[in-house]
Amino acid sequence: MVNLQGENIYLRALEPDDLAFLYKIENDENIWEVSNTITPYSRFLIRQYLENAHQDIFEAKQLRLAICKKDSFEAIGLIDLFDFDPVNQRAGVGIIISDEENRSQGIGKESLGLLIEYAFKRLQLHQLYANISTDNQPSIVLFTGFGFKCIGVKKDWIKKYNGFADEALYQIIKQQ
């Protein structure tokens, strides 16, 4: 894997030691709506997932990387390429910074920048996309800051406790 290091953070492959962190993320009901999750994950299932996390993106059709601060091995977030389609040279992007105290510090911005560069240069992708709830202003600012454009809105797409929310589809196409 290319060196996915930024000024303040780096992205690394998942490790067996990430079990507790993944368990916490996957079972956080506050983010289930963005991950299309409706039931908790067991430690057993997450352990199985980690055992197969060594598969490359061409085999698994996804890549999940841990976001770590430069001086630490501990994961503070995750960034994903999913729905990887090598024929059409595209993939979806997802990102989560776990704890509130690590948000609004440029970690997401630096992580997304590294992932975009990796996707376009190393994987030779032509485009990336992100599905973002229209009420998720921090994510909209993050993605549009890199040139993602809103290309459509799916009405009442996400079921929330108090009704439904719209979800926008953002896309960036590699400049030739």
N, C-alpha and C. Protein backbone atom coordinates (compact mmCIF):
# COMPACT_ATOMS: atom_id res chain seq x y z
N MET A 1 0.85 -1.18 0.00
CA MET A 1 0.00 0.00 0.00
C MET A 1 0.89 1.24 0.00
N VAL A 2 0.44 2.25 -0.69
CA VAL A 2 1.20 3.49 -0.70
C VAL A 2 1.22 4.07 0.70
N ASN A 3 2.12 4.97 0.90
CA ASN A 3 2.25 5.63 2.19
C ASN A 3 1.11 6.63 2.34
N LEU A 4 0.16 6.30 3.17
CA LEU A 4 -1.02 7.15 3.36
C LEU A 4 -0.84 8.01 4.61
N GLN A 5 0.19 8.85 4.56
CA GLN A 5 0.50 9.70 5.70
C GLN A 5 0.32 11.16 5.34
N GLY A 6 -0.33 11.86 6.22
CA GLY A 6 -0.49 13.29 6.07
C GLY A 6 0.38 14.01 7.07
N GLU A 7 0.09 15.27 7.26
CA GLU A 7 0.86 16.08 8.19
C GLU A 7 0.55 15.72 9.64
N ASN A 8 -0.73 15.46 9.94
CA ASN A 8 -1.15 15.21 11.31
C ASN A 8 -1.75 13.83 11.55
N ILE A 9 -2.07 13.13 10.49
CA ILE A 9 -2.70 11.81 10.62
C ILE A 9 -2.10 10.85 9.59
N TYR A 10 -2.45 9.58 9.75
CA TYR A 10 -2.14 8.59 8.73
C TYR A 10 -3.28 7.59 8.68
N LEU A 11 -3.38 6.92 7.56
CA LEU A 11 -4.38 5.89 7.35
C LEU A 11 -3.66 4.55 7.32
N ARG A 12 -4.22 3.57 8.01
CA ARG A 12 -3.59 2.26 8.05
C ARG A 12 -4.64 1.17 7.88
N ALA A 13 -4.16 -0.02 7.55
CA ALA A 13 -5.03 -1.18 7.45
C ALA A 13 -5.57 -1.53 8.83
N LEU A 14 -6.70 -2.20 8.84
CA LEU A 14 -7.28 -2.65 10.10
C LEU A 14 -6.44 -3.77 10.69
N GLU A 15 -6.39 -3.82 12.01
CA GLU A 15 -5.63 -4.81 12.77
C GLU A 15 -6.57 -5.54 13.72
N PRO A 16 -6.22 -6.74 14.15
CA PRO A 16 -7.03 -7.44 15.16
C PRO A 16 -7.27 -6.61 16.41
N ASP A 17 -6.30 -5.75 16.76
CA ASP A 17 -6.44 -4.89 17.95
C ASP A 17 -7.53 -3.84 17.80
N ASP A 18 -8.06 -3.67 16.60
CA ASP A 18 -9.13 -2.68 16.36
C ASP A 18 -10.51 -3.22 16.72
N LEU A 19 -10.58 -4.43 17.25
CA LEU A 19 -11.87 -5.06 17.57
C LEU A 19 -12.73 -4.17 18.46
N ALA A 20 -12.21 -3.69 19.56
CA ALA A 20 -13.00 -2.87 20.49
C ALA A 20 -13.46 -1.58 19.83
N PHE A 21 -12.59 -0.95 19.04
CA PHE A 21 -12.96 0.28 18.36
C PHE A 21 -14.08 0.04 17.35
N LEU A 22 -13.95 -1.01 16.52
CA LEU A 22 -14.99 -1.33 15.55
C LEU A 22 -16.30 -1.69 16.23
N TYR A 23 -16.21 -2.42 17.32
CA TYR A 23 -17.41 -2.79 18.08
C TYR A 23 -18.15 -1.53 18.56
N LYS A 24 -17.39 -0.57 19.05
CA LYS A 24 -17.97 0.70 19.51
C LYS A 24 -18.63 1.45 18.35
N ILE A 25 -17.93 1.56 17.23
CA ILE A 25 -18.46 2.29 16.06
C ILE A 25 -19.71 1.60 15.52
N GLU A 26 -19.61 0.31 15.26
CA GLU A 26 -20.71 -0.41 14.62
C GLU A 26 -21.95 -0.50 15.49
N ASN A 27 -21.80 -0.34 16.78
CA ASN A 27 -22.93 -0.43 17.69
C ASN A 27 -23.38 0.92 18.24
N ASP A 28 -22.90 1.99 17.64
CA ASP A 28 -23.31 3.34 18.02
C ASP A 28 -24.58 3.69 17.24
N GLU A 29 -25.70 3.64 17.92
CA GLU A 29 -26.99 3.89 17.25
C GLU A 29 -27.08 5.27 16.63
N ASN A 30 -26.28 6.21 17.10
CA ASN A 30 -26.32 7.56 16.55
C ASN A 30 -25.83 7.63 15.10
N ILE A 31 -25.06 6.64 14.67
CA ILE A 31 -24.57 6.67 13.29
C ILE A 31 -25.17 5.57 12.43
N TRP A 32 -26.09 4.81 12.97
CA TRP A 32 -26.69 3.73 12.19
C TRP A 32 -27.37 4.24 10.92
N GLU A 33 -27.95 5.40 10.97
CA GLU A 33 -28.67 5.89 9.80
C GLU A 33 -27.73 6.14 8.62
N VAL A 34 -26.47 6.48 8.87
CA VAL A 34 -25.55 6.71 7.75
C VAL A 34 -24.91 5.42 7.27
N SER A 35 -24.98 4.36 8.08
CA SER A 35 -24.39 3.09 7.67
C SER A 35 -25.46 2.05 7.31
N ASN A 36 -26.70 2.49 7.28
CA ASN A 36 -27.82 1.60 6.97
C ASN A 36 -27.86 0.36 7.88
N THR A 37 -27.58 0.59 9.14
CA THR A 37 -27.59 -0.49 10.13
C THR A 37 -28.84 -0.36 10.99
N ILE A 38 -29.43 -1.50 11.33
CA ILE A 38 -30.61 -1.46 12.20
C ILE A 38 -30.48 -2.42 13.39
N THR A 39 -29.44 -3.22 13.40
CA THR A 39 -29.23 -4.15 14.51
C THR A 39 -27.78 -4.11 14.96
N PRO A 40 -27.53 -4.43 16.22
CA PRO A 40 -26.16 -4.44 16.72
C PRO A 40 -25.32 -5.56 16.10
N TYR A 41 -24.02 -5.36 16.13
CA TYR A 41 -23.06 -6.37 15.68
C TYR A 41 -22.42 -7.01 16.90
N SER A 42 -22.20 -8.31 16.85
CA SER A 42 -21.53 -9.01 17.93
C SER A 42 -20.03 -8.91 17.76
N ARG A 43 -19.31 -9.10 18.86
CA ARG A 43 -17.85 -9.15 18.79
C ARG A 43 -17.40 -10.28 17.87
N PHE A 44 -18.14 -11.39 17.89
CA PHE A 44 -17.82 -12.53 17.04
C PHE A 44 -17.84 -12.14 15.57
N LEU A 45 -18.91 -11.45 15.13
CA LEU A 45 -19.01 -11.05 13.73
C LEU A 45 -17.92 -10.05 13.35
N ILE A 46 -17.62 -9.13 14.25
CA ILE A 46 -16.58 -8.15 13.96
C ILE A 46 -15.21 -8.83 13.91
N ARG A 47 -14.99 -9.81 14.78
CA ARG A 47 -13.74 -10.57 14.74
C ARG A 47 -13.60 -11.29 13.39
N GLN A 48 -14.70 -11.89 12.92
CA GLN A 48 -14.67 -12.56 11.61
C GLN A 48 -14.36 -11.56 10.49
N TYR A 49 -14.98 -10.39 10.58
CA TYR A 49 -14.72 -9.36 9.58
C TYR A 49 -13.23 -9.00 9.57
N LEU A 50 -12.66 -8.80 10.76
CA LEU A 50 -11.24 -8.45 10.86
C LEU A 50 -10.34 -9.55 10.31
N GLU A 51 -10.76 -10.80 10.48
CA GLU A 51 -9.97 -11.92 9.96
C GLU A 51 -9.91 -11.91 8.43
N ASN A 52 -10.92 -11.29 7.80
CA ASN A 52 -10.95 -11.21 6.34
C ASN A 52 -10.56 -9.83 5.81
N ALA A 53 -10.18 -8.94 6.71
CA ALA A 53 -9.85 -7.57 6.30
C ALA A 53 -8.56 -7.50 5.48
N HIS A 54 -7.82 -8.58 5.42
CA HIS A 54 -6.59 -8.61 4.63
C HIS A 54 -6.85 -8.68 3.13
N GLN A 55 -8.07 -9.01 2.73
CA GLN A 55 -8.39 -9.09 1.30
C GLN A 55 -8.16 -7.73 0.65
N ASP A 56 -7.60 -7.75 -0.56
CA ASP A 56 -7.39 -6.46 -1.22
C ASP A 56 -8.71 -5.96 -1.80
N ILE A 57 -8.70 -4.72 -2.21
CA ILE A 57 -9.92 -4.06 -2.68
C ILE A 57 -10.51 -4.74 -3.91
N PHE A 58 -9.68 -5.36 -4.72
CA PHE A 58 -10.19 -6.02 -5.92
C PHE A 58 -10.95 -7.30 -5.57
N GLU A 59 -10.58 -7.92 -4.47
CA GLU A 59 -11.25 -9.13 -4.01
C GLU A 59 -12.48 -8.81 -3.17
N ALA A 60 -12.33 -7.89 -2.23
CA ALA A 60 -13.41 -7.58 -1.29
C ALA A 60 -14.39 -6.55 -1.82
N LYS A 61 -14.01 -5.79 -2.83
CA LYS A 61 -14.82 -4.69 -3.39
C LYS A 61 -15.02 -3.55 -2.41
N GLN A 62 -14.18 -3.52 -1.38
CA GLN A 62 -14.21 -2.42 -0.42
C GLN A 62 -12.85 -2.33 0.25
N LEU A 63 -12.59 -1.16 0.83
CA LEU A 63 -11.37 -0.93 1.58
C LEU A 63 -11.71 -0.06 2.76
N ARG A 64 -11.47 -0.56 3.94
CA ARG A 64 -11.70 0.21 5.17
C ARG A 64 -10.36 0.45 5.82
N LEU A 65 -10.08 1.72 6.09
CA LEU A 65 -8.82 2.11 6.72
C LEU A 65 -9.09 2.82 8.04
N ALA A 66 -8.21 2.58 9.00
CA ALA A 66 -8.28 3.27 10.29
C ALA A 66 -7.59 4.62 10.14
N ILE A 67 -8.19 5.63 10.74
CA ILE A 67 -7.60 6.97 10.79
C ILE A 67 -6.92 7.09 12.15
N CYS A 68 -5.64 7.44 12.14
CA CYS A 68 -4.87 7.55 13.37
C CYS A 68 -4.13 8.89 13.40
N LYS A 69 -3.98 9.45 14.60
CA LYS A 69 -3.15 10.63 14.75
C LYS A 69 -1.70 10.23 14.54
N LYS A 70 -0.90 11.15 14.05
CA LYS A 70 0.48 10.89 13.66
C LYS A 70 1.29 10.17 14.74
N ASP A 71 1.06 10.50 15.99
CA ASP A 71 1.86 9.98 17.10
C ASP A 71 1.23 8.78 17.81
N SER A 72 0.24 8.13 17.17
CA SER A 72 -0.49 7.07 17.85
C SER A 72 -0.87 5.97 16.88
N PHE A 73 -1.02 4.75 17.41
CA PHE A 73 -1.50 3.64 16.61
C PHE A 73 -3.01 3.46 16.80
N GLU A 74 -3.58 4.14 17.79
CA GLU A 74 -4.99 4.00 18.13
C GLU A 74 -5.89 4.66 17.07
N ALA A 75 -6.87 3.92 16.61
CA ALA A 75 -7.82 4.44 15.61
C ALA A 75 -8.74 5.48 16.26
N ILE A 76 -8.95 6.58 15.55
CA ILE A 76 -9.90 7.60 16.00
C ILE A 76 -11.05 7.74 15.02
N GLY A 77 -10.94 7.05 13.89
CA GLY A 77 -11.98 7.09 12.88
C GLY A 77 -11.74 6.04 11.82
N LEU A 78 -12.66 6.01 10.87
CA LEU A 78 -12.58 5.08 9.76
C LEU A 78 -12.89 5.82 8.47
N ILE A 79 -12.26 5.41 7.39
CA ILE A 79 -12.57 5.95 6.08
C ILE A 79 -12.63 4.76 5.13
N ASP A 80 -13.66 4.74 4.30
CA ASP A 80 -13.94 3.58 3.47
C ASP A 80 -14.05 3.93 2.00
N LEU A 81 -13.62 2.99 1.17
CA LEU A 81 -14.04 2.93 -0.22
C LEU A 81 -14.95 1.71 -0.28
N PHE A 82 -16.15 1.87 -0.81
CA PHE A 82 -17.10 0.76 -0.90
C PHE A 82 -17.72 0.74 -2.29
N ASP A 83 -18.44 -0.34 -2.58
CA ASP A 83 -19.01 -0.51 -3.93
C ASP A 83 -17.95 -0.30 -5.01
N PHE A 84 -16.76 -0.78 -4.73
CA PHE A 84 -15.64 -0.63 -5.66
C PHE A 84 -15.98 -1.34 -6.97
N ASP A 85 -15.91 -0.60 -8.05
CA ASP A 85 -16.23 -1.11 -9.38
C ASP A 85 -15.04 -0.85 -10.30
N PRO A 86 -14.13 -1.84 -10.42
CA PRO A 86 -12.94 -1.61 -11.23
C PRO A 86 -13.22 -1.46 -12.73
N VAL A 87 -14.30 -2.05 -13.21
CA VAL A 87 -14.63 -1.93 -14.63
C VAL A 87 -15.00 -0.50 -14.97
N ASN A 88 -15.87 0.09 -14.16
CA ASN A 88 -16.31 1.47 -14.40
C ASN A 88 -15.46 2.49 -13.65
N GLN A 89 -14.46 2.02 -12.93
CA GLN A 89 -13.47 2.85 -12.23
C GLN A 89 -14.11 3.86 -11.28
N ARG A 90 -14.93 3.31 -10.37
CA ARG A 90 -15.58 4.19 -9.39
C ARG A 90 -15.74 3.45 -8.06
N ALA A 91 -15.98 4.26 -7.01
CA ALA A 91 -16.23 3.71 -5.68
C ALA A 91 -16.94 4.78 -4.85
N GLY A 92 -17.65 4.31 -3.84
CA GLY A 92 -18.26 5.20 -2.86
C GLY A 92 -17.26 5.49 -1.75
N VAL A 93 -17.47 6.60 -1.06
CA VAL A 93 -16.60 7.01 0.04
C VAL A 93 -17.45 7.25 1.28
N GLY A 94 -16.96 6.75 2.41
CA GLY A 94 -17.60 7.02 3.70
C GLY A 94 -16.53 7.35 4.71
N ILE A 95 -16.87 8.19 5.68
CA ILE A 95 -15.90 8.58 6.72
C ILE A 95 -16.64 8.82 8.02
N ILE A 96 -16.00 8.42 9.11
CA ILE A 96 -16.53 8.71 10.44
C ILE A 96 -15.36 8.99 11.38
N ILE A 97 -15.47 10.07 12.10
CA ILE A 97 -14.54 10.37 13.20
C ILE A 97 -15.33 10.07 14.46
N SER A 98 -14.84 9.13 15.26
CA SER A 98 -15.62 8.55 16.34
C SER A 98 -16.04 9.55 17.41
N ASP A 99 -15.09 10.15 18.07
CA ASP A 99 -15.40 10.98 19.23
C ASP A 99 -15.50 12.46 18.87
N GLU A 100 -16.44 13.12 19.51
CA GLU A 100 -16.69 14.54 19.27
C GLU A 100 -15.43 15.40 19.41
N GLU A 101 -14.57 15.05 20.38
CA GLU A 101 -13.38 15.88 20.62
C GLU A 101 -12.38 15.83 19.47
N ASN A 102 -12.49 14.84 18.59
CA ASN A 102 -11.59 14.74 17.44
C ASN A 102 -12.19 15.35 16.17
N ARG A 103 -13.40 15.85 16.27
CA ARG A 103 -14.04 16.45 15.10
C ARG A 103 -13.70 17.94 15.03
N SER A 104 -13.88 18.51 13.87
CA SER A 104 -13.63 19.94 13.63
C SER A 104 -12.18 20.32 13.89
N GLN A 105 -11.27 19.40 13.65
CA GLN A 105 -9.83 19.66 13.82
C GLN A 105 -9.06 19.46 12.52
N GLY A 106 -9.77 19.22 11.43
CA GLY A 106 -9.12 19.00 10.15
C GLY A 106 -8.74 17.55 9.89
N ILE A 107 -9.09 16.65 10.82
CA ILE A 107 -8.75 15.24 10.67
C ILE A 107 -9.50 14.63 9.49
N GLY A 108 -10.79 14.91 9.40
CA GLY A 108 -11.59 14.40 8.29
C GLY A 108 -11.10 14.94 6.96
N LYS A 109 -10.76 16.21 6.94
CA LYS A 109 -10.27 16.85 5.71
C LYS A 109 -8.97 16.21 5.25
N GLU A 110 -8.05 16.02 6.17
CA GLU A 110 -6.76 15.42 5.82
C GLU A 110 -6.95 13.97 5.37
N SER A 111 -7.82 13.24 6.06
CA SER A 111 -8.08 11.84 5.72
C SER A 111 -8.71 11.72 4.33
N LEU A 112 -9.71 12.54 4.06
CA LEU A 112 -10.38 12.49 2.76
C LEU A 112 -9.41 12.87 1.64
N GLY A 113 -8.57 13.85 1.88
CA GLY A 113 -7.59 14.24 0.88
C GLY A 113 -6.64 13.10 0.53
N LEU A 114 -6.17 12.38 1.55
CA LEU A 114 -5.29 11.23 1.33
C LEU A 114 -6.01 10.13 0.55
N LEU A 115 -7.27 9.88 0.92
CA LEU A 115 -8.01 8.81 0.26
C LEU A 115 -8.31 9.16 -1.20
N ILE A 116 -8.66 10.39 -1.47
CA ILE A 116 -8.92 10.81 -2.85
C ILE A 116 -7.65 10.64 -3.70
N GLU A 117 -6.53 11.07 -3.17
CA GLU A 117 -5.27 10.93 -3.91
C GLU A 117 -4.96 9.45 -4.17
N TYR A 118 -5.15 8.62 -3.17
CA TYR A 118 -4.92 7.18 -3.31
C TYR A 118 -5.85 6.58 -4.38
N ALA A 119 -7.14 6.95 -4.31
CA ALA A 119 -8.12 6.40 -5.25
C ALA A 119 -7.83 6.80 -6.69
N PHE A 120 -7.47 8.06 -6.90
CA PHE A 120 -7.25 8.54 -8.27
C PHE A 120 -5.87 8.14 -8.81
N LYS A 121 -4.85 8.20 -7.97
CA LYS A 121 -3.49 7.92 -8.46
C LYS A 121 -3.15 6.44 -8.41
N ARG A 122 -3.36 5.78 -7.28
CA ARG A 122 -2.94 4.39 -7.14
C ARG A 122 -3.96 3.43 -7.74
N LEU A 123 -5.24 3.64 -7.44
CA LEU A 123 -6.26 2.73 -7.95
C LEU A 123 -6.75 3.10 -9.35
N GLN A 124 -6.34 4.27 -9.83
CA GLN A 124 -6.70 4.74 -11.17
C GLN A 124 -8.22 4.86 -11.35
N LEU A 125 -8.92 5.25 -10.28
CA LEU A 125 -10.36 5.43 -10.40
C LEU A 125 -10.66 6.69 -11.20
N HIS A 126 -11.80 6.69 -11.83
CA HIS A 126 -12.26 7.83 -12.62
C HIS A 126 -13.17 8.74 -11.80
N GLN A 127 -13.90 8.14 -10.85
CA GLN A 127 -14.81 8.95 -10.05
C GLN A 127 -15.06 8.33 -8.68
N LEU A 128 -15.45 9.19 -7.75
CA LEU A 128 -15.85 8.81 -6.40
C LEU A 128 -17.20 9.43 -6.13
N TYR A 129 -17.96 8.80 -5.24
CA TYR A 129 -19.25 9.39 -4.85
C TYR A 129 -19.47 9.22 -3.35
N ALA A 130 -20.35 10.05 -2.83
CA ALA A 130 -20.70 9.98 -1.41
C ALA A 130 -22.20 10.25 -1.28
N ASN A 131 -22.84 9.47 -0.42
CA ASN A 131 -24.25 9.69 -0.08
C ASN A 131 -24.29 10.44 1.24
N ILE A 132 -24.87 11.63 1.24
CA ILE A 132 -24.85 12.48 2.43
C ILE A 132 -26.24 12.98 2.73
N SER A 133 -26.68 12.79 3.95
CA SER A 133 -27.96 13.33 4.39
C SER A 133 -27.94 14.85 4.20
N THR A 134 -29.01 15.40 3.68
CA THR A 134 -29.04 16.84 3.39
C THR A 134 -28.96 17.70 4.64
N ASP A 135 -29.17 17.10 5.81
CA ASP A 135 -29.04 17.87 7.05
C ASP A 135 -27.66 17.69 7.71
N ASN A 136 -26.74 17.00 7.03
CA ASN A 136 -25.40 16.79 7.57
C ASN A 136 -24.45 17.84 6.98
N GLN A 137 -24.57 19.05 7.48
CA GLN A 137 -23.81 20.18 6.95
C GLN A 137 -22.29 19.99 7.05
N PRO A 138 -21.76 19.46 8.16
CA PRO A 138 -20.30 19.28 8.21
C PRO A 138 -19.78 18.37 7.08
N SER A 139 -20.50 17.29 6.77
CA SER A 139 -20.05 16.40 5.69
C SER A 139 -20.20 17.06 4.33
N ILE A 140 -21.25 17.83 4.14
CA ILE A 140 -21.43 18.53 2.87
C ILE A 140 -20.28 19.50 2.65
N VAL A 141 -19.91 20.25 3.69
CA VAL A 141 -18.79 21.19 3.59
C VAL A 141 -17.49 20.45 3.30
N LEU A 142 -17.28 19.32 4.00
CA LEU A 142 -16.06 18.54 3.79
C LEU A 142 -15.94 18.07 2.35
N PHE A 143 -16.95 17.44 1.82
CA PHE A 143 -16.88 16.86 0.48
C PHE A 143 -16.87 17.93 -0.61
N THR A 144 -17.69 18.96 -0.47
CA THR A 144 -17.70 20.01 -1.50
C THR A 144 -16.38 20.77 -1.51
N GLY A 145 -15.70 20.82 -0.37
CA GLY A 145 -14.39 21.46 -0.31
C GLY A 145 -13.36 20.77 -1.19
N PHE A 146 -13.58 19.51 -1.52
CA PHE A 146 -12.69 18.78 -2.42
C PHE A 146 -13.21 18.74 -3.85
N GLY A 147 -14.31 19.42 -4.11
CA GLY A 147 -14.83 19.47 -5.47
C GLY A 147 -15.96 18.51 -5.76
N PHE A 148 -16.46 17.79 -4.74
CA PHE A 148 -17.63 16.94 -4.97
C PHE A 148 -18.82 17.85 -5.28
N LYS A 149 -19.61 17.45 -6.25
CA LYS A 149 -20.80 18.21 -6.65
C LYS A 149 -22.05 17.39 -6.34
N CYS A 150 -23.10 18.08 -5.90
CA CYS A 150 -24.38 17.42 -5.67
C CYS A 150 -25.02 17.17 -7.03
N ILE A 151 -25.28 15.90 -7.32
CA ILE A 151 -25.85 15.58 -8.63
C ILE A 151 -27.30 15.09 -8.53
N GLY A 152 -27.83 15.04 -7.32
CA GLY A 152 -29.21 14.63 -7.16
C GLY A 152 -29.57 14.44 -5.70
N VAL A 153 -30.87 14.47 -5.44
CA VAL A 153 -31.37 14.29 -4.08
C VAL A 153 -32.41 13.19 -4.08
N LYS A 154 -32.23 12.24 -3.19
CA LYS A 154 -33.19 11.15 -3.02
C LYS A 154 -34.13 11.57 -1.89
N LYS A 155 -35.38 11.76 -2.20
CA LYS A 155 -36.37 12.27 -1.25
C LYS A 155 -36.78 11.19 -0.24
N ASP A 156 -36.92 11.61 1.02
CA ASP A 156 -37.35 10.71 2.11
C ASP A 156 -36.58 9.39 2.09
N TRP A 157 -35.30 9.45 1.89
CA TRP A 157 -34.47 8.27 1.67
C TRP A 157 -34.04 7.58 2.97
N ILE A 158 -33.83 8.37 4.02
CA ILE A 158 -33.30 7.84 5.28
C ILE A 158 -34.37 7.90 6.36
N LYS A 159 -34.69 6.76 6.95
CA LYS A 159 -35.66 6.71 8.05
C LYS A 159 -34.96 7.14 9.33
N LYS A 160 -35.53 8.14 9.97
CA LYS A 160 -35.03 8.62 11.25
C LYS A 160 -36.11 8.41 12.29
N TYR A 161 -35.76 8.64 13.54
CA TYR A 161 -36.73 8.46 14.61
C TYR A 161 -37.96 9.34 14.43
N ASN A 162 -37.77 10.55 13.91
CA ASN A 162 -38.87 11.51 13.80
C ASN A 162 -39.39 11.67 12.37
N GLY A 163 -39.16 10.69 11.52
CA GLY A 163 -39.64 10.78 10.15
C GLY A 163 -38.59 10.36 9.15
N PHE A 164 -38.59 11.02 8.01
CA PHE A 164 -37.65 10.69 6.95
C PHE A 164 -36.80 11.91 6.58
N ALA A 165 -35.62 11.64 6.05
CA ALA A 165 -34.73 12.71 5.61
C ALA A 165 -34.30 12.44 4.18
N ASP A 166 -33.98 13.51 3.49
CA ASP A 166 -33.47 13.41 2.13
C ASP A 166 -31.98 13.08 2.17
N GLU A 167 -31.52 12.41 1.13
CA GLU A 167 -30.09 12.10 1.00
C GLU A 167 -29.62 12.57 -0.36
N ALA A 168 -28.52 13.32 -0.36
CA ALA A 168 -27.96 13.83 -1.62
C ALA A 168 -26.82 12.93 -2.08
N LEU A 169 -26.68 12.85 -3.38
CA LEU A 169 -25.59 12.11 -3.99
C LEU A 169 -24.57 13.11 -4.51
N TYR A 170 -23.35 13.00 -3.97
CA TYR A 170 -22.25 13.88 -4.36
C TYR A 170 -21.25 13.07 -5.16
N GLN A 171 -20.66 13.70 -6.16
CA GLN A 171 -19.74 13.00 -7.07
C GLN A 171 -18.57 13.91 -7.44
N ILE A 172 -17.42 13.26 -7.57
CA ILE A 172 -16.25 13.97 -8.10
C ILE A 172 -15.68 13.09 -9.20
N ILE A 173 -15.37 13.72 -10.32
CA ILE A 173 -14.78 13.02 -11.46
C ILE A 173 -13.34 13.52 -11.62
N LYS A 174 -12.44 12.57 -11.76
CA LYS A 174 -11.01 12.88 -11.90
C LYS A 174 -10.79 13.78 -13.10
N GLN A 175 -10.03 14.81 -12.86
CA GLN A 175 -9.69 15.73 -13.96
C GLN A 175 -8.62 15.08 -14.83
N GLN A 176 -8.81 15.13 -16.13
CA GLN A 176 -7.86 14.49 -17.07
C GLN A 176 -6.63 15.34 -17.27
